[in-house]
Amino acid sequence: AAIVAGTAALMRAVDPSLSNGVIVGRIARNADPAGTQEQTGNGRINMPRALADTSVQELQPAGAAPVGSGGPFVGPYR
């Protein structure tokens, strides 16, 4: 989780206008395959490739909808 947070923080420092969805999309799309989806979700973070990505396509979690006043269950991204 610390590597994901650090990657997201660095991306936001480079471009403060990025939305959370764009940051998540860039991290997820550029991950290197590793293990199974149950083990590593989208794979191993590839920070240089995520930083070089210029797409603005947002990615939303594929998890379940929110229940009550809580947030959604965040699962793998598609």
PDB file of N, CA and C in Angstrom:
ATOM      1  N   ALA A   1       0.812  -1.190   0.000  1.00  0.00           N
ATOM      2  CA  ALA A   1       0.000   0.000   0.000  1.00  0.00           C
ATOM      3  C   ALA A   1       0.859   1.259   0.000  1.00  0.00           C
ATOM      4  N   ALA A   2       2.015   1.202   0.655  1.00  0.00           N
ATOM      5  CA  ALA A   2       2.885   2.381   0.706  1.00  0.00           C
ATOM      6  C   ALA A   2       3.431   2.723  -0.675  1.00  0.00           C
ATOM      7  N   ILE A   3       3.725   1.718  -1.475  1.00  0.00           N
ATOM      8  CA  ILE A   3       4.248   1.970  -2.818  1.00  0.00           C
ATOM      9  C   ILE A   3       3.164   2.597  -3.690  1.00  0.00           C
ATOM     10  N   VAL A   4       1.942   2.135  -3.550  1.00  0.00           N
ATOM     11  CA  VAL A   4       0.830   2.713  -4.312  1.00  0.00           C
ATOM     12  C   VAL A   4       0.625   4.170  -3.904  1.00  0.00           C
ATOM     13  N   ALA A   5       0.615   4.426  -2.601  1.00  0.00           N
ATOM     14  CA  ALA A   5       0.417   5.796  -2.113  1.00  0.00           C
ATOM     15  C   ALA A   5       1.551   6.705  -2.562  1.00  0.00           C
ATOM     16  N   GLY A   6       2.782   6.205  -2.513  1.00  0.00           N
ATOM     17  CA  GLY A   6       3.926   7.002  -2.953  1.00  0.00           C
ATOM     18  C   GLY A   6       3.871   7.308  -4.436  1.00  0.00           C
ATOM     19  N   THR A   7       3.477   6.322  -5.223  1.00  0.00           N
ATOM     20  CA  THR A   7       3.350   6.531  -6.666  1.00  0.00           C
ATOM     21  C   THR A   7       2.271   7.570  -6.955  1.00  0.00           C
ATOM     22  N   ALA A   8       1.136   7.445  -6.288  1.00  0.00           N
ATOM     23  CA  ALA A   8       0.043   8.407  -6.485  1.00  0.00           C
ATOM     24  C   ALA A   8       0.468   9.810  -6.057  1.00  0.00           C
ATOM     25  N   ALA A   9       1.190   9.918  -4.944  1.00  0.00           N
ATOM     26  CA  ALA A   9       1.643  11.231  -4.467  1.00  0.00           C
ATOM     27  C   ALA A   9       2.627  11.859  -5.442  1.00  0.00           C
ATOM     28  N   LEU A  10       3.530  11.059  -5.985  1.00  0.00           N
ATOM     29  CA  LEU A  10       4.494  11.576  -6.956  1.00  0.00           C
ATOM     30  C   LEU A  10       3.776  12.043  -8.222  1.00  0.00           C
ATOM     31  N   MET A  11       2.795  11.272  -8.673  1.00  0.00           N
ATOM     32  CA  MET A  11       2.038  11.665  -9.861  1.00  0.00           C
ATOM     33  C   MET A  11       1.295  12.978  -9.612  1.00  0.00           C
ATOM     34  N   ARG A  12       0.724  13.145  -8.427  1.00  0.00           N
ATOM     35  CA  ARG A  12       0.008  14.374  -8.088  1.00  0.00           C
ATOM     36  C   ARG A  12       0.985  15.542  -7.968  1.00  0.00           C
ATOM     37  N   ALA A  13       2.212  15.284  -7.474  1.00  0.00           N
ATOM     38  CA  ALA A  13       3.215  16.353  -7.370  1.00  0.00           C
ATOM     39  C   ALA A  13       3.651  16.826  -8.753  1.00  0.00           C
ATOM     40  N   VAL A  14       3.767  15.889  -9.683  1.00  0.00           N
ATOM     41  CA  VAL A  14       4.162  16.235 -11.049  1.00  0.00           C
ATOM     42  C   VAL A  14       3.045  17.008 -11.747  1.00  0.00           C
ATOM     43  N   ASP A  15       1.793  16.598 -11.523  1.00  0.00           N
ATOM     44  CA  ASP A  15       0.646  17.257 -12.160  1.00  0.00           C
ATOM     45  C   ASP A  15      -0.506  17.351 -11.163  1.00  0.00           C
ATOM     46  N   PRO A  16      -0.606  18.464 -10.427  1.00  0.00           N
ATOM     47  CA  PRO A  16      -1.652  18.608  -9.409  1.00  0.00           C
ATOM     48  C   PRO A  16      -3.078  18.580  -9.955  1.00  0.00           C
ATOM     49  N   SER A  17      -3.256  18.720 -11.259  1.00  0.00           N
ATOM     50  CA  SER A  17      -4.609  18.724 -11.826  1.00  0.00           C
ATOM     51  C   SER A  17      -5.175  17.318 -12.032  1.00  0.00           C
ATOM     52  N   LEU A  18      -4.376  16.273 -11.838  1.00  0.00           N
ATOM     53  CA  LEU A  18      -4.857  14.907 -12.063  1.00  0.00           C
ATOM     54  C   LEU A  18      -5.929  14.532 -11.048  1.00  0.00           C
ATOM     55  N   SER A  19      -6.994  13.919 -11.535  1.00  0.00           N
ATOM     56  CA  SER A  19      -8.037  13.421 -10.631  1.00  0.00           C
ATOM     57  C   SER A  19      -7.606  12.061 -10.080  1.00  0.00           C
ATOM     58  N   ASN A  20      -8.257  11.640  -9.010  1.00  0.00           N
ATOM     59  CA  ASN A  20      -7.953  10.327  -8.442  1.00  0.00           C
ATOM     60  C   ASN A  20      -8.187   9.219  -9.463  1.00  0.00           C
ATOM     61  N   GLY A  21      -9.276   9.320 -10.235  1.00  0.00           N
ATOM     62  CA  GLY A  21      -9.587   8.300 -11.233  1.00  0.00           C
ATOM     63  C   GLY A  21      -8.531   8.186 -12.315  1.00  0.00           C
ATOM     64  N   VAL A  22      -7.964   9.315 -12.740  1.00  0.00           N
ATOM     65  CA  VAL A  22      -6.898   9.296 -13.752  1.00  0.00           C
ATOM     66  C   VAL A  22      -5.645   8.657 -13.164  1.00  0.00           C
ATOM     67  N   ILE A  23      -5.313   9.002 -11.934  1.00  0.00           N
ATOM     68  CA  ILE A  23      -4.133   8.421 -11.287  1.00  0.00           C
ATOM     69  C   ILE A  23      -4.295   6.913 -11.151  1.00  0.00           C
ATOM     70  N   VAL A  24      -5.455   6.472 -10.682  1.00  0.00           N
ATOM     71  CA  VAL A  24      -5.716   5.036 -10.543  1.00  0.00           C
ATOM     72  C   VAL A  24      -5.617   4.351 -11.901  1.00  0.00           C
ATOM     73  N   GLY A  25      -6.184   4.966 -12.932  1.00  0.00           N
ATOM     74  CA  GLY A  25      -6.128   4.387 -14.276  1.00  0.00           C
ATOM     75  C   GLY A  25      -4.710   4.218 -14.769  1.00  0.00           C
ATOM     76  N   ARG A  26      -3.885   5.232 -14.583  1.00  0.00           N
ATOM     77  CA  ARG A  26      -2.496   5.150 -15.045  1.00  0.00           C
ATOM     78  C   ARG A  26      -1.717   4.084 -14.281  1.00  0.00           C
ATOM     79  N   ILE A  27      -1.930   4.005 -12.976  1.00  0.00           N
ATOM     80  CA  ILE A  27      -1.228   2.993 -12.182  1.00  0.00           C
ATOM     81  C   ILE A  27      -1.679   1.594 -12.596  1.00  0.00           C
ATOM     82  N   ALA A  28      -2.990   1.376 -12.715  1.00  0.00           N
ATOM     83  CA  ALA A  28      -3.521   0.049 -13.035  1.00  0.00           C
ATOM     84  C   ALA A  28      -3.150  -0.393 -14.449  1.00  0.00           C
ATOM     85  N   ARG A  29      -3.272   0.499 -15.429  1.00  0.00           N
ATOM     86  CA  ARG A  29      -2.982   0.127 -16.828  1.00  0.00           C
ATOM     87  C   ARG A  29      -1.516  -0.204 -17.050  1.00  0.00           C
ATOM     88  N   ASN A  30      -0.645   0.392 -16.264  1.00  0.00           N
ATOM     89  CA  ASN A  30       0.785   0.227 -16.498  1.00  0.00           C
ATOM     90  C   ASN A  30       1.449  -0.768 -15.564  1.00  0.00           C
ATOM     91  N   ALA A  31       0.658  -1.480 -14.774  1.00  0.00           N
ATOM     92  CA  ALA A  31       1.213  -2.487 -13.867  1.00  0.00           C
ATOM     93  C   ALA A  31       1.766  -3.667 -14.661  1.00  0.00           C
ATOM     94  N   ASP A  32       2.840  -4.238 -14.148  1.00  0.00           N
ATOM     95  CA  ASP A  32       3.418  -5.440 -14.748  1.00  0.00           C
ATOM     96  C   ASP A  32       2.680  -6.658 -14.201  1.00  0.00           C
ATOM     97  N   PRO A  33       2.334  -7.620 -15.062  1.00  0.00           N
ATOM     98  CA  PRO A  33       1.656  -8.819 -14.571  1.00  0.00           C
ATOM     99  C   PRO A  33       2.512  -9.521 -13.514  1.00  0.00           C
ATOM    100  N   ALA A  34       1.864  -9.929 -12.430  1.00  0.00           N
ATOM    101  CA  ALA A  34       2.567 -10.659 -11.368  1.00  0.00           C
ATOM    102  C   ALA A  34       1.540 -11.432 -10.558  1.00  0.00           C
ATOM    103  N   GLY A  35       1.747 -12.712 -10.406  1.00  0.00           N
ATOM    104  CA  GLY A  35       0.827 -13.525  -9.613  1.00  0.00           C
ATOM    105  C   GLY A  35      -0.557 -13.573 -10.228  1.00  0.00           C
ATOM    106  N   THR A  36      -1.530 -13.913  -9.401  1.00  0.00           N
ATOM    107  CA  THR A  36      -2.919 -13.961  -9.854  1.00  0.00           C
ATOM    108  C   THR A  36      -3.629 -12.679  -9.428  1.00  0.00           C
ATOM    109  N   GLN A  37      -4.805 -12.445  -9.990  1.00  0.00           N
ATOM    110  CA  GLN A  37      -5.566 -11.249  -9.635  1.00  0.00           C
ATOM    111  C   GLN A  37      -5.906 -11.247  -8.148  1.00  0.00           C
ATOM    112  N   GLU A  38      -6.161 -12.423  -7.583  1.00  0.00           N
ATOM    113  CA  GLU A  38      -6.463 -12.509  -6.157  1.00  0.00           C
ATOM    114  C   GLU A  38      -5.243 -12.140  -5.313  1.00  0.00           C
ATOM    115  N   GLN A  39      -4.038 -12.438  -5.815  1.00  0.00           N
ATOM    116  CA  GLN A  39      -2.814 -12.159  -5.064  1.00  0.00           C
ATOM    117  C   GLN A  39      -2.362 -10.714  -5.202  1.00  0.00           C
ATOM    118  N   THR A  40      -2.389 -10.185  -6.416  1.00  0.00           N
ATOM    119  CA  THR A  40      -1.780  -8.871  -6.657  1.00  0.00           C
ATOM    120  C   THR A  40      -2.687  -7.891  -7.389  1.00  0.00           C
ATOM    121  N   GLY A  41      -3.951  -8.196  -7.554  1.00  0.00           N
ATOM    122  CA  GLY A  41      -4.846  -7.268  -8.261  1.00  0.00           C
ATOM    123  C   GLY A  41      -4.400  -7.080  -9.700  1.00  0.00           C
ATOM    124  N   ASN A  42      -4.041  -5.853 -10.070  1.00  0.00           N
ATOM    125  CA  ASN A  42      -3.610  -5.585 -11.438  1.00  0.00           C
ATOM    126  C   ASN A  42      -2.156  -5.946 -11.680  1.00  0.00           C
ATOM    127  N   GLY A  43      -1.406  -6.285 -10.652  1.00  0.00           N
ATOM    128  CA  GLY A  43      -0.005  -6.661 -10.821  1.00  0.00           C
ATOM    129  C   GLY A  43       0.922  -5.786 -10.007  1.00  0.00           C
ATOM    130  N   ARG A  44       2.181  -5.774 -10.415  1.00  0.00           N
ATOM    131  CA  ARG A  44       3.231  -5.014  -9.728  1.00  0.00           C
ATOM    132  C   ARG A  44       3.330  -3.624 -10.345  1.00  0.00           C
ATOM    133  N   ILE A  45       3.376  -2.607  -9.514  1.00  0.00           N
ATOM    134  CA  ILE A  45       3.439  -1.223 -10.004  1.00  0.00           C
ATOM    135  C   ILE A  45       4.695  -1.001 -10.826  1.00  0.00           C
ATOM    136  N   ASN A  46       4.514  -0.345 -11.970  1.00  0.00           N
ATOM    137  CA  ASN A  46       5.632   0.093 -12.801  1.00  0.00           C
ATOM    138  C   ASN A  46       5.586   1.623 -12.776  1.00  0.00           C
ATOM    139  N   MET A  47       6.281   2.205 -11.793  1.00  0.00           N
ATOM    140  CA  MET A  47       6.200   3.650 -11.582  1.00  0.00           C
ATOM    141  C   MET A  47       6.673   4.458 -12.788  1.00  0.00           C
ATOM    142  N   PRO A  48       7.809   4.137 -13.407  1.00  0.00           N
ATOM    143  CA  PRO A  48       8.237   4.944 -14.563  1.00  0.00           C
ATOM    144  C   PRO A  48       7.206   4.958 -15.686  1.00  0.00           C
ATOM    145  N   ARG A  49       6.608   3.804 -15.958  1.00  0.00           N
ATOM    146  CA  ARG A  49       5.614   3.743 -17.032  1.00  0.00           C
ATOM    147  C   ARG A  49       4.342   4.496 -16.640  1.00  0.00           C
ATOM    148  N   ALA A  50       3.929   4.409 -15.371  1.00  0.00           N
ATOM    149  CA  ALA A  50       2.745   5.144 -14.915  1.00  0.00           C
ATOM    150  C   ALA A  50       2.983   6.649 -14.999  1.00  0.00           C
ATOM    151  N   LEU A  51       4.190   7.100 -14.660  1.00  0.00           N
ATOM    152  CA  LEU A  51       4.510   8.531 -14.736  1.00  0.00           C
ATOM    153  C   LEU A  51       4.569   9.020 -16.177  1.00  0.00           C
ATOM    154  N   ALA A  52       4.996   8.165 -17.096  1.00  0.00           N
ATOM    155  CA  ALA A  52       5.116   8.552 -18.503  1.00  0.00           C
ATOM    156  C   ALA A  52       3.765   8.547 -19.224  1.00  0.00           C
ATOM    157  N   ASP A  53       2.781   7.837 -18.675  1.00  0.00           N
ATOM    158  CA  ASP A  53       1.448   7.746 -19.278  1.00  0.00           C
ATOM    159  C   ASP A  53       0.788   9.127 -19.266  1.00  0.00           C
ATOM    160  N   THR A  54       0.236   9.541 -20.392  1.00  0.00           N
ATOM    161  CA  THR A  54      -0.423  10.849 -20.471  1.00  0.00           C
ATOM    162  C   THR A  54      -1.930  10.732 -20.697  1.00  0.00           C
ATOM    163  N   SER A  55      -2.468   9.524 -20.619  1.00  0.00           N
ATOM    164  CA  SER A  55      -3.906   9.359 -20.852  1.00  0.00           C
ATOM    165  C   SER A  55      -4.699  10.039 -19.737  1.00  0.00           C
ATOM    166  N   VAL A  56      -5.911  10.433 -20.053  1.00  0.00           N
ATOM    167  CA  VAL A  56      -6.781  11.067 -19.068  1.00  0.00           C
ATOM    168  C   VAL A  56      -8.023  10.213 -18.802  1.00  0.00           C
ATOM    169  N   GLN A  57      -7.959   8.953 -19.208  1.00  0.00           N
ATOM    170  CA  GLN A  57      -9.072   8.036 -18.983  1.00  0.00           C
ATOM    171  C   GLN A  57      -9.111   7.645 -17.507  1.00  0.00           C
ATOM    172  N   GLU A  58     -10.262   7.880 -16.871  1.00  0.00           N
ATOM    173  CA  GLU A  58     -10.425   7.524 -15.465  1.00  0.00           C
ATOM    174  C   GLU A  58     -10.801   6.061 -15.337  1.00  0.00           C
ATOM    175  N   LEU A  59     -10.409   5.464 -14.238  1.00  0.00           N
ATOM    176  CA  LEU A  59     -10.722   4.068 -13.966  1.00  0.00           C
ATOM    177  C   LEU A  59     -11.439   3.990 -12.633  1.00  0.00           C
ATOM    178  N   GLN A  60     -12.541   3.262 -12.608  1.00  0.00           N
ATOM    179  CA  GLN A  60     -13.325   3.100 -11.387  1.00  0.00           C
ATOM    180  C   GLN A  60     -13.153   1.675 -10.880  1.00  0.00           C
ATOM    181  N   PRO A  61     -13.235   1.477  -9.562  1.00  0.00           N
ATOM    182  CA  PRO A  61     -13.087   0.127  -9.025  1.00  0.00           C
ATOM    183  C   PRO A  61     -14.208  -0.783  -9.492  1.00  0.00           C
ATOM    184  N   ALA A  62     -13.896  -2.056  -9.620  1.00  0.00           N
ATOM    185  CA  ALA A  62     -14.887  -3.044 -10.039  1.00  0.00           C
ATOM    186  C   ALA A  62     -15.554  -3.676  -8.833  1.00  0.00           C
ATOM    187  N   GLY A  63     -15.346  -3.122  -7.647  1.00  0.00           N
ATOM    188  CA  GLY A  63     -15.896  -3.674  -6.411  1.00  0.00           C
ATOM    189  C   GLY A  63     -17.391  -3.469  -6.282  1.00  0.00           C
ATOM    190  N   ALA A  64     -17.919  -3.856  -5.154  1.00  0.00           N
ATOM    191  CA  ALA A  64     -19.350  -3.754  -4.889  1.00  0.00           C
ATOM    192  C   ALA A  64     -19.755  -2.313  -4.601  1.00  0.00           C
ATOM    193  N   ALA A  65     -21.026  -2.033  -4.768  1.00  0.00           N
ATOM    194  CA  ALA A  65     -21.561  -0.692  -4.496  1.00  0.00           C
ATOM    195  C   ALA A  65     -21.497  -0.390  -2.999  1.00  0.00           C
ATOM    196  N   PRO A  66     -21.512   0.891  -2.634  1.00  0.00           N
ATOM    197  CA  PRO A  66     -21.485   1.256  -1.214  1.00  0.00           C
ATOM    198  C   PRO A  66     -22.681   0.685  -0.456  1.00  0.00           C
ATOM    199  N   VAL A  67     -22.457   0.382   0.811  1.00  0.00           N
ATOM    200  CA  VAL A  67     -23.525  -0.111   1.677  1.00  0.00           C
ATOM    201  C   VAL A  67     -23.694   0.885   2.809  1.00  0.00           C
ATOM    202  N   GLY A  68     -24.898   1.373   3.014  1.00  0.00           N
ATOM    203  CA  GLY A  68     -25.144   2.339   4.081  1.00  0.00           C
ATOM    204  C   GLY A  68     -24.363   3.613   3.832  1.00  0.00           C
ATOM    205  N   SER A  69     -23.714   4.123   4.868  1.00  0.00           N
ATOM    206  CA  SER A  69     -22.953   5.362   4.726  1.00  0.00           C
ATOM    207  C   SER A  69     -21.476   5.101   4.461  1.00  0.00           C
ATOM    208  N   GLY A  70     -21.097   3.828   4.315  1.00  0.00           N
ATOM    209  CA  GLY A  70     -19.701   3.483   4.050  1.00  0.00           C
ATOM    210  C   GLY A  70     -19.361   3.620   2.584  1.00  0.00           C
ATOM    211  N   GLY A  71     -18.087   3.568   2.290  1.00  0.00           N
ATOM    212  CA  GLY A  71     -17.625   3.649   0.911  1.00  0.00           C
ATOM    213  C   GLY A  71     -17.722   2.306   0.226  1.00  0.00           C
ATOM    214  N   PRO A  72     -17.407   2.259  -1.064  1.00  0.00           N
ATOM    215  CA  PRO A  72     -17.482   0.998  -1.798  1.00  0.00           C
ATOM    216  C   PRO A  72     -16.360   0.059  -1.396  1.00  0.00           C
ATOM    217  N   PHE A  73     -16.597  -1.216  -1.563  1.00  0.00           N
ATOM    218  CA  PHE A  73     -15.538  -2.208  -1.429  1.00  0.00           C
ATOM    219  C   PHE A  73     -14.682  -2.065  -2.665  1.00  0.00           C
ATOM    220  N   VAL A  74     -13.419  -1.790  -2.486  1.00  0.00           N
ATOM    221  CA  VAL A  74     -12.543  -1.571  -3.636  1.00  0.00           C
ATOM    222  C   VAL A  74     -11.839  -2.875  -3.954  1.00  0.00           C
ATOM    223  N   GLY A  75     -12.095  -3.383  -5.127  1.00  0.00           N
ATOM    224  CA  GLY A  75     -11.481  -4.620  -5.559  1.00  0.00           C
ATOM    225  C   GLY A  75     -10.590  -4.362  -6.747  1.00  0.00           C
ATOM    226  N   PRO A  76     -10.396  -5.340  -7.583  1.00  0.00           N
ATOM    227  CA  PRO A  76      -9.568  -5.155  -8.774  1.00  0.00           C
ATOM    228  C   PRO A  76     -10.162  -4.087  -9.682  1.00  0.00           C
ATOM    229  N   TYR A  77      -9.315  -3.462 -10.441  1.00  0.00           N
ATOM    230  CA  TYR A  77      -9.752  -2.467 -11.410  1.00  0.00           C
ATOM    231  C   TYR A  77      -9.788  -3.110 -12.778  1.00  0.00           C
ATOM    232  N   ARG A  78     -10.763  -2.715 -13.584  1.00  0.00           N
ATOM    233  CA  ARG A  78     -10.891  -3.284 -14.932  1.00  0.00           C
ATOM    234  C   ARG A  78     -10.585  -2.241 -15.952  1.00  0.00           C
TER     235      ARG A  78
END
